[in-house]
PDB file of all heavy atoms in Angstrom:
ATOM      1  N   ILE A   1     -83.834  19.778 -44.813  1.00  0.00           N
ATOM      2  CA  ILE A   1     -83.070  19.158 -45.896  1.00  0.00           C
ATOM      3  C   ILE A   1     -81.611  19.050 -45.465  1.00  0.00           C
ATOM      4  O   ILE A   1     -80.948  20.076 -45.244  1.00  0.00           O
ATOM      5  CB  ILE A   1     -83.207  19.991 -47.181  1.00  0.00           C
ATOM      6  CG1 ILE A   1     -84.689  20.120 -47.572  1.00  0.00           C
ATOM      7  CG2 ILE A   1     -82.399  19.366 -48.303  1.00  0.00           C
ATOM      8  CD1 ILE A   1     -84.959  21.153 -48.661  1.00  0.00           C
ATOM      9  N   ILE A   2     -81.116  17.827 -45.344  1.00  0.00           N
ATOM     10  CA  ILE A   2     -79.745  17.593 -44.868  1.00  0.00           C
ATOM     11  C   ILE A   2     -78.959  16.921 -45.979  1.00  0.00           C
ATOM     12  O   ILE A   2     -79.242  15.772 -46.342  1.00  0.00           O
ATOM     13  CB  ILE A   2     -79.738  16.734 -43.597  1.00  0.00           C
ATOM     14  CG1 ILE A   2     -80.642  17.369 -42.529  1.00  0.00           C
ATOM     15  CG2 ILE A   2     -78.332  16.579 -43.049  1.00  0.00           C
ATOM     16  CD1 ILE A   2     -81.669  16.465 -41.975  1.00  0.00           C
ATOM     17  N   MET A   3     -77.977  17.643 -46.532  1.00  0.00           N
ATOM     18  CA  MET A   3     -77.221  17.156 -47.688  1.00  0.00           C
ATOM     19  C   MET A   3     -75.753  16.933 -47.332  1.00  0.00           C
ATOM     20  O   MET A   3     -75.140  17.767 -46.662  1.00  0.00           O
ATOM     21  CB  MET A   3     -77.310  18.163 -48.831  1.00  0.00           C
ATOM     22  CG  MET A   3     -78.711  18.361 -49.383  1.00  0.00           C
ATOM     23  SD  MET A   3     -79.288  16.920 -50.305  1.00  0.00           S
ATOM     24  CE  MET A   3     -80.622  16.366 -49.233  1.00  0.00           C
ATOM     25  N   GLY A   4     -75.207  15.817 -47.802  1.00  0.00           N
ATOM     26  CA  GLY A   4     -73.811  15.508 -47.552  1.00  0.00           C
ATOM     27  C   GLY A   4     -72.984  15.573 -48.834  1.00  0.00           C
ATOM     28  O   GLY A   4     -73.359  14.982 -49.857  1.00  0.00           O
ATOM     29  N   TYR A   5     -71.873  16.311 -48.786  1.00  0.00           N
ATOM     30  CA  TYR A   5     -70.996  16.479 -49.941  1.00  0.00           C
ATOM     31  C   TYR A   5     -69.552  16.148 -49.562  1.00  0.00           C
ATOM     32  O   TYR A   5     -69.200  16.117 -48.383  1.00  0.00           O
ATOM     33  CB  TYR A   5     -71.044  17.919 -50.456  1.00  0.00           C
ATOM     34  CG  TYR A   5     -72.389  18.390 -50.925  1.00  0.00           C
ATOM     35  CD1 TYR A   5     -73.271  19.030 -50.053  1.00  0.00           C
ATOM     36  CD2 TYR A   5     -72.791  18.224 -52.242  1.00  0.00           C
ATOM     37  CE1 TYR A   5     -74.517  19.488 -50.487  1.00  0.00           C
ATOM     38  CE2 TYR A   5     -74.036  18.674 -52.683  1.00  0.00           C
ATOM     39  CZ  TYR A   5     -74.884  19.311 -51.799  1.00  0.00           C
ATOM     40  OH  TYR A   5     -76.114  19.756 -52.228  1.00  0.00           O
ATOM     41  N   ARG A   6     -68.711  15.967 -50.580  1.00  0.00           N
ATOM     42  CA  ARG A   6     -67.283  15.741 -50.333  1.00  0.00           C
ATOM     43  C   ARG A   6     -66.586  17.026 -49.910  1.00  0.00           C
ATOM     44  O   ARG A   6     -65.753  17.028 -49.006  1.00  0.00           O
ATOM     45  CB  ARG A   6     -66.607  15.224 -51.613  1.00  0.00           C
ATOM     46  CG  ARG A   6     -67.019  13.827 -52.034  1.00  0.00           C
ATOM     47  CD  ARG A   6     -66.332  13.477 -53.340  1.00  0.00           C
ATOM     48  NE  ARG A   6     -66.706  12.143 -53.799  1.00  0.00           N
ATOM     49  CZ  ARG A   6     -66.377  11.643 -54.981  1.00  0.00           C
ATOM     50  NH1 ARG A   6     -65.668  12.365 -55.831  1.00  0.00           N
ATOM     51  NH2 ARG A   6     -66.759  10.430 -55.324  1.00  0.00           N
ATOM     52  N   ASN A   7     -66.943  18.133 -50.599  1.00  0.00           N
ATOM     53  CA  ASN A   7     -66.232  19.393 -50.397  1.00  0.00           C
ATOM     54  C   ASN A   7     -67.168  20.568 -50.672  1.00  0.00           C
ATOM     55  O   ASN A   7     -68.389  20.415 -50.623  1.00  0.00           O
ATOM     56  CB  ASN A   7     -64.998  19.443 -51.310  1.00  0.00           C
ATOM     57  CG  ASN A   7     -65.338  19.122 -52.767  1.00  0.00           C
ATOM     58  OD1 ASN A   7     -66.365  19.562 -53.286  1.00  0.00           O
ATOM     59  ND2 ASN A   7     -64.494  18.342 -53.421  1.00  0.00           N
ATOM     60  N   ALA A   8     -66.587  21.723 -50.972  1.00  0.00           N
ATOM     61  CA  ALA A   8     -67.381  22.947 -51.127  1.00  0.00           C
ATOM     62  C   ALA A   8     -68.213  22.987 -52.400  1.00  0.00           C
ATOM     63  O   ALA A   8     -68.999  23.917 -52.582  1.00  0.00           O
ATOM     64  CB  ALA A   8     -66.451  24.164 -51.081  1.00  0.00           C
ATOM     65  N   GLU A   9     -68.090  22.007 -53.279  1.00  0.00           N
ATOM     66  CA  GLU A   9     -68.929  21.971 -54.481  1.00  0.00           C
ATOM     67  C   GLU A   9     -70.308  21.409 -54.123  1.00  0.00           C
ATOM     68  O   GLU A   9     -70.625  20.260 -54.401  1.00  0.00           O
ATOM     69  CB  GLU A   9     -68.262  21.134 -55.576  1.00  0.00           C
ATOM     70  CG  GLU A   9     -67.078  21.838 -56.218  1.00  0.00           C
ATOM     71  CD  GLU A   9     -66.668  21.170 -57.525  1.00  0.00           C
ATOM     72  OE1 GLU A   9     -66.491  19.940 -57.523  1.00  0.00           O
ATOM     73  OE2 GLU A   9     -66.526  21.871 -58.535  1.00  0.00           O
ATOM     74  N   THR A  10     -71.101  22.257 -53.488  1.00  0.00           N
ATOM     75  CA  THR A  10     -72.417  21.840 -52.979  1.00  0.00           C
ATOM     76  C   THR A  10     -73.482  22.054 -54.061  1.00  0.00           C
ATOM     77  O   THR A  10     -74.334  22.943 -53.952  1.00  0.00           O
ATOM     78  CB  THR A  10     -72.761  22.624 -51.700  1.00  0.00           C
ATOM     79  OG1 THR A  10     -72.628  24.025 -51.970  1.00  0.00           O
ATOM     80  CG2 THR A  10     -71.819  22.242 -50.567  1.00  0.00           C
ATOM     81  N   PHE A  11     -73.399  21.229 -55.109  1.00  0.00           N
ATOM     82  CA  PHE A  11     -74.324  21.365 -56.240  1.00  0.00           C
ATOM     83  C   PHE A  11     -75.782  21.213 -55.802  1.00  0.00           C
ATOM     84  O   PHE A  11     -76.101  20.435 -54.911  1.00  0.00           O
ATOM     85  CB  PHE A  11     -73.971  20.360 -57.346  1.00  0.00           C
ATOM     86  CG  PHE A  11     -73.945  18.926 -56.913  1.00  0.00           C
ATOM     87  CD1 PHE A  11     -75.064  18.116 -57.047  1.00  0.00           C
ATOM     88  CD2 PHE A  11     -72.788  18.367 -56.377  1.00  0.00           C
ATOM     89  CE1 PHE A  11     -75.055  16.788 -56.658  1.00  0.00           C
ATOM     90  CE2 PHE A  11     -72.765  17.022 -55.980  1.00  0.00           C
ATOM     91  CZ  PHE A  11     -73.897  16.241 -56.123  1.00  0.00           C
ATOM     92  N   LEU A  12     -76.635  21.995 -56.422  1.00  0.00           N
ATOM     93  CA  LEU A  12     -78.089  22.051 -56.187  1.00  0.00           C
ATOM     94  C   LEU A  12     -78.473  22.751 -54.882  1.00  0.00           C
ATOM     95  O   LEU A  12     -79.654  22.838 -54.542  1.00  0.00           O
ATOM     96  CB  LEU A  12     -78.730  20.648 -56.206  1.00  0.00           C
ATOM     97  CG  LEU A  12     -78.561  19.847 -57.504  1.00  0.00           C
ATOM     98  CD1 LEU A  12     -79.225  18.488 -57.363  1.00  0.00           C
ATOM     99  CD2 LEU A  12     -79.156  20.594 -58.698  1.00  0.00           C
ATOM    100  N   ARG A  13     -77.489  23.273 -54.158  1.00  0.00           N
ATOM    101  CA  ARG A  13     -77.791  23.902 -52.869  1.00  0.00           C
ATOM    102  C   ARG A  13     -78.791  25.050 -53.015  1.00  0.00           C
ATOM    103  O   ARG A  13     -79.716  25.180 -52.208  1.00  0.00           O
ATOM    104  CB  ARG A  13     -76.500  24.402 -52.219  1.00  0.00           C
ATOM    105  CG  ARG A  13     -76.726  25.072 -50.865  1.00  0.00           C
ATOM    106  CD  ARG A  13     -75.425  25.510 -50.230  1.00  0.00           C
ATOM    107  NE  ARG A  13     -75.642  26.130 -48.932  1.00  0.00           N
ATOM    108  CZ  ARG A  13     -74.658  26.532 -48.127  1.00  0.00           C
ATOM    109  NH1 ARG A  13     -73.401  26.363 -48.492  1.00  0.00           N
ATOM    110  NH2 ARG A  13     -74.933  27.094 -46.961  1.00  0.00           N
ATOM    111  N   ASP A  14     -78.604  25.907 -54.022  1.00  0.00           N
ATOM    112  CA  ASP A  14     -79.512  27.050 -54.205  1.00  0.00           C
ATOM    113  C   ASP A  14     -80.950  26.587 -54.387  1.00  0.00           C
ATOM    114  O   ASP A  14     -81.886  27.173 -53.822  1.00  0.00           O
ATOM    115  CB  ASP A  14     -79.088  27.887 -55.409  1.00  0.00           C
ATOM    116  CG  ASP A  14     -77.781  28.637 -55.166  1.00  0.00           C
ATOM    117  OD1 ASP A  14     -77.356  28.717 -53.998  1.00  0.00           O
ATOM    118  OD2 ASP A  14     -77.190  29.122 -56.142  1.00  0.00           O
ATOM    119  N   GLU A  15     -81.141  25.527 -55.182  1.00  0.00           N
ATOM    120  CA  GLU A  15     -82.487  25.001 -55.414  1.00  0.00           C
ATOM    121  C   GLU A  15     -83.094  24.444 -54.128  1.00  0.00           C
ATOM    122  O   GLU A  15     -84.279  24.642 -53.847  1.00  0.00           O
ATOM    123  CB  GLU A  15     -82.468  23.925 -56.490  1.00  0.00           C
ATOM    124  CG  GLU A  15     -82.183  24.446 -57.897  1.00  0.00           C
ATOM    125  CD  GLU A  15     -80.717  24.314 -58.276  1.00  0.00           C
ATOM    126  OE1 GLU A  15     -79.839  24.536 -57.416  1.00  0.00           O
ATOM    127  OE2 GLU A  15     -80.451  23.986 -59.447  1.00  0.00           O
ATOM    128  N   PHE A  16     -82.274  23.774 -53.321  1.00  0.00           N
ATOM    129  CA  PHE A  16     -82.787  23.232 -52.065  1.00  0.00           C
ATOM    130  C   PHE A  16     -83.191  24.344 -51.107  1.00  0.00           C
ATOM    131  O   PHE A  16     -84.206  24.232 -50.397  1.00  0.00           O
ATOM    132  CB  PHE A  16     -81.743  22.326 -51.402  1.00  0.00           C
ATOM    133  CG  PHE A  16     -81.692  20.936 -51.964  1.00  0.00           C
ATOM    134  CD1 PHE A  16     -80.570  20.468 -52.616  1.00  0.00           C
ATOM    135  CD2 PHE A  16     -82.781  20.082 -51.834  1.00  0.00           C
ATOM    136  CE1 PHE A  16     -80.521  19.185 -53.140  1.00  0.00           C
ATOM    137  CE2 PHE A  16     -82.752  18.798 -52.355  1.00  0.00           C
ATOM    138  CZ  PHE A  16     -81.618  18.354 -53.011  1.00  0.00           C
ATOM    139  N   GLU A  17     -82.425  25.434 -51.076  1.00  0.00           N
ATOM    140  CA  GLU A  17     -82.714  26.516 -50.141  1.00  0.00           C
ATOM    141  C   GLU A  17     -84.036  27.214 -50.452  1.00  0.00           C
ATOM    142  O   GLU A  17     -84.588  27.897 -49.595  1.00  0.00           O
ATOM    143  CB  GLU A  17     -81.548  27.515 -50.128  1.00  0.00           C
ATOM    144  CG  GLU A  17     -80.315  26.944 -49.433  1.00  0.00           C
ATOM    145  CD  GLU A  17     -79.121  27.879 -49.445  1.00  0.00           C
ATOM    146  OE1 GLU A  17     -79.086  28.796 -50.296  1.00  0.00           O
ATOM    147  OE2 GLU A  17     -78.223  27.679 -48.605  1.00  0.00           O
ATOM    148  N   GLN A  18     -84.543  27.022 -51.667  1.00  0.00           N
ATOM    149  CA  GLN A  18     -85.852  27.573 -52.019  1.00  0.00           C
ATOM    150  C   GLN A  18     -86.994  26.669 -51.556  1.00  0.00           C
ATOM    151  O   GLN A  18     -88.163  27.034 -51.679  1.00  0.00           O
ATOM    152  CB  GLN A  18     -85.938  27.748 -53.537  1.00  0.00           C
ATOM    153  CG  GLN A  18     -84.946  28.741 -54.114  1.00  0.00           C
ATOM    154  CD  GLN A  18     -84.910  28.715 -55.634  1.00  0.00           C
ATOM    155  OE1 GLN A  18     -85.882  28.327 -56.282  1.00  0.00           O
ATOM    156  NE2 GLN A  18     -83.794  29.108 -56.209  1.00  0.00           N
ATOM    157  N   ASN A  19     -86.645  25.498 -51.016  1.00  0.00           N
ATOM    158  CA  ASN A  19     -87.688  24.503 -50.708  1.00  0.00           C
ATOM    159  C   ASN A  19     -87.634  23.935 -49.292  1.00  0.00           C
ATOM    160  O   ASN A  19     -88.263  22.919 -49.021  1.00  0.00           O
ATOM    161  CB  ASN A  19     -87.588  23.349 -51.714  1.00  0.00           C
ATOM    162  CG  ASN A  19     -88.003  23.748 -53.108  1.00  0.00           C
ATOM    163  OD1 ASN A  19     -89.181  23.871 -53.410  1.00  0.00           O
ATOM    164  ND2 ASN A  19     -87.028  23.987 -53.988  1.00  0.00           N
ATOM    165  N   GLY A  20     -86.907  24.585 -48.391  1.00  0.00           N
ATOM    166  CA  GLY A  20     -86.876  24.104 -47.016  1.00  0.00           C
ATOM    167  C   GLY A  20     -85.669  24.621 -46.259  1.00  0.00           C
ATOM    168  O   GLY A  20     -84.876  25.426 -46.770  1.00  0.00           O
ATOM    169  N   GLU A  21     -85.526  24.176 -45.000  1.00  0.00           N
ATOM    170  CA  GLU A  21     -84.365  24.527 -44.181  1.00  0.00           C
ATOM    171  C   GLU A  21     -83.212  23.602 -44.581  1.00  0.00           C
ATOM    172  O   GLU A  21     -83.339  22.380 -44.484  1.00  0.00           O
ATOM    173  CB  GLU A  21     -84.673  24.330 -42.692  1.00  0.00           C
ATOM    174  CG  GLU A  21     -85.792  25.186 -42.152  1.00  0.00           C
ATOM    175  CD  GLU A  21     -86.093  24.859 -40.691  1.00  0.00           C
ATOM    176  OE1 GLU A  21     -85.334  24.074 -40.081  1.00  0.00           O
ATOM    177  OE2 GLU A  21     -87.090  25.376 -40.175  1.00  0.00           O
ATOM    178  N   VAL A  22     -82.095  24.159 -45.005  1.00  0.00           N
ATOM    179  CA  VAL A  22     -80.990  23.355 -45.525  1.00  0.00           C
ATOM    180  C   VAL A  22     -79.831  23.302 -44.534  1.00  0.00           C
ATOM    181  O   VAL A  22     -79.405  24.329 -43.993  1.00  0.00           O
ATOM    182  CB  VAL A  22     -80.494  23.903 -46.871  1.00  0.00           C
ATOM    183  CG1 VAL A  22     -79.269  23.133 -47.355  1.00  0.00           C
ATOM    184  CG2 VAL A  22     -81.612  23.825 -47.912  1.00  0.00           C
ATOM    185  N   TYR A  23     -79.342  22.089 -44.301  1.00  0.00           N
ATOM    186  CA  TYR A  23     -78.168  21.845 -43.471  1.00  0.00           C
ATOM    187  C   TYR A  23     -77.177  21.042 -44.302  1.00  0.00           C
ATOM    188  O   TYR A  23     -77.557  20.056 -44.943  1.00  0.00           O
ATOM    189  CB  TYR A  23     -78.536  21.081 -42.200  1.00  0.00           C
ATOM    190  CG  TYR A  23     -79.569  21.793 -41.355  1.00  0.00           C
ATOM    191  CD1 TYR A  23     -80.944  21.624 -41.599  1.00  0.00           C
ATOM    192  CD2 TYR A  23     -79.192  22.654 -40.327  1.00  0.00           C
ATOM    193  CE1 TYR A  23     -81.895  22.292 -40.842  1.00  0.00           C
ATOM    194  CE2 TYR A  23     -80.147  23.327 -39.569  1.00  0.00           C
ATOM    195  CZ  TYR A  23     -81.496  23.137 -39.832  1.00  0.00           C
ATOM    196  OH  TYR A  23     -82.433  23.805 -39.080  1.00  0.00           O
ATOM    197  N   ILE A  24     -75.921  21.478 -44.290  1.00  0.00           N
ATOM    198  CA  ILE A  24     -74.897  20.857 -45.129  1.00  0.00           C
ATOM    199  C   ILE A  24     -73.830  20.194 -44.267  1.00  0.00           C
ATOM    200  O   ILE A  24     -73.415  20.742 -43.245  1.00  0.00           O
ATOM    201  CB  ILE A  24     -74.207  21.918 -46.021  1.00  0.00           C
ATOM    202  CG1 ILE A  24     -75.239  22.636 -46.893  1.00  0.00           C
ATOM    203  CG2 ILE A  24     -73.100  21.294 -46.869  1.00  0.00           C
ATOM    204  CD1 ILE A  24     -75.837  21.813 -47.990  1.00  0.00           C
ATOM    205  N   SER A  25     -73.377  19.025 -44.711  1.00  0.00           N
ATOM    206  CA  SER A  25     -72.181  18.421 -44.131  1.00  0.00           C
ATOM    207  C   SER A  25     -71.194  18.182 -45.267  1.00  0.00           C
ATOM    208  O   SER A  25     -71.598  17.889 -46.393  1.00  0.00           O
ATOM    209  CB  SER A  25     -72.498  17.095 -43.420  1.00  0.00           C
ATOM    210  OG  SER A  25     -72.834  16.086 -44.356  1.00  0.00           O
ATOM    211  N   THR A  26     -69.910  18.348 -44.971  1.00  0.00           N
ATOM    212  CA  THR A  26     -68.870  18.072 -45.963  1.00  0.00           C
ATOM    213  C   THR A  26     -67.774  17.237 -45.317  1.00  0.00           C
ATOM    214  O   THR A  26     -67.453  17.432 -44.136  1.00  0.00           O
ATOM    215  CB  THR A  26     -68.256  19.370 -46.531  1.00  0.00           C
ATOM    216  OG1 THR A  26     -67.876  20.250 -45.460  1.00  0.00           O
ATOM    217  CG2 THR A  26     -69.232  20.087 -47.436  1.00  0.00           C
ATOM    218  N   GLU A  27     -67.220  16.337 -46.104  1.00  0.00           N
ATOM    219  CA  GLU A  27     -66.172  15.460 -45.577  1.00  0.00           C
ATOM    220  C   GLU A  27     -64.953  16.246 -45.126  1.00  0.00           C
ATOM    221  O   GLU A  27     -64.308  15.887 -44.137  1.00  0.00           O
ATOM    222  CB  GLU A  27     -65.772  14.429 -46.645  1.00  0.00           C
ATOM    223  CG  GLU A  27     -66.865  13.423 -46.955  1.00  0.00           C
ATOM    224  CD  GLU A  27     -66.469  12.470 -48.063  1.00  0.00           C
ATOM    225  OE1 GLU A  27     -65.268  12.406 -48.416  1.00  0.00           O
ATOM    226  OE2 GLU A  27     -67.355  11.768 -48.590  1.00  0.00           O
ATOM    227  N   ASP A  28     -64.632  17.326 -45.845  1.00  0.00           N
ATOM    228  CA  ASP A  28     -63.437  18.101 -45.502  1.00  0.00           C
ATOM    229  C   ASP A  28     -63.729  19.304 -44.606  1.00  0.00           C
ATOM    230  O   ASP A  28     -62.821  20.065 -44.253  1.00  0.00           O
ATOM    231  CB  ASP A  28     -62.706  18.563 -46.775  1.00  0.00           C
ATOM    232  CG  ASP A  28     -63.547  19.509 -47.637  1.00  0.00           C
ATOM    233  OD1 ASP A  28     -64.676  19.865 -47.225  1.00  0.00           O
ATOM    234  OD2 ASP A  28     -63.071  19.884 -48.719  1.00  0.00           O
ATOM    235  N   GLY A  29     -64.992  19.499 -44.232  1.00  0.00           N
ATOM    236  CA  GLY A  29     -65.345  20.594 -43.337  1.00  0.00           C
ATOM    237  C   GLY A  29     -65.358  21.962 -43.987  1.00  0.00           C
ATOM    238  O   GLY A  29     -65.456  22.981 -43.293  1.00  0.00           O
ATOM    239  N   SER A  30     -65.302  22.025 -45.308  1.00  0.00           N
ATOM    240  CA  SER A  30     -65.235  23.315 -46.005  1.00  0.00           C
ATOM    241  C   SER A  30     -66.558  24.077 -45.955  1.00  0.00           C
ATOM    242  O   SER A  30     -66.577  25.307 -46.052  1.00  0.00           O
ATOM    243  CB  SER A  30     -64.811  23.108 -47.462  1.00  0.00           C
ATOM    244  OG  SER A  30     -65.672  22.189 -48.117  1.00  0.00           O
TER     245      SER A  30
END
């Protein structure tokens, strides 16, 4: 699961982590 966000407000991240391997990208690198 690869999710892209603007910043550290990574909404729904907890739910995704219960359902697969999660990788996050953020525009500001936070």
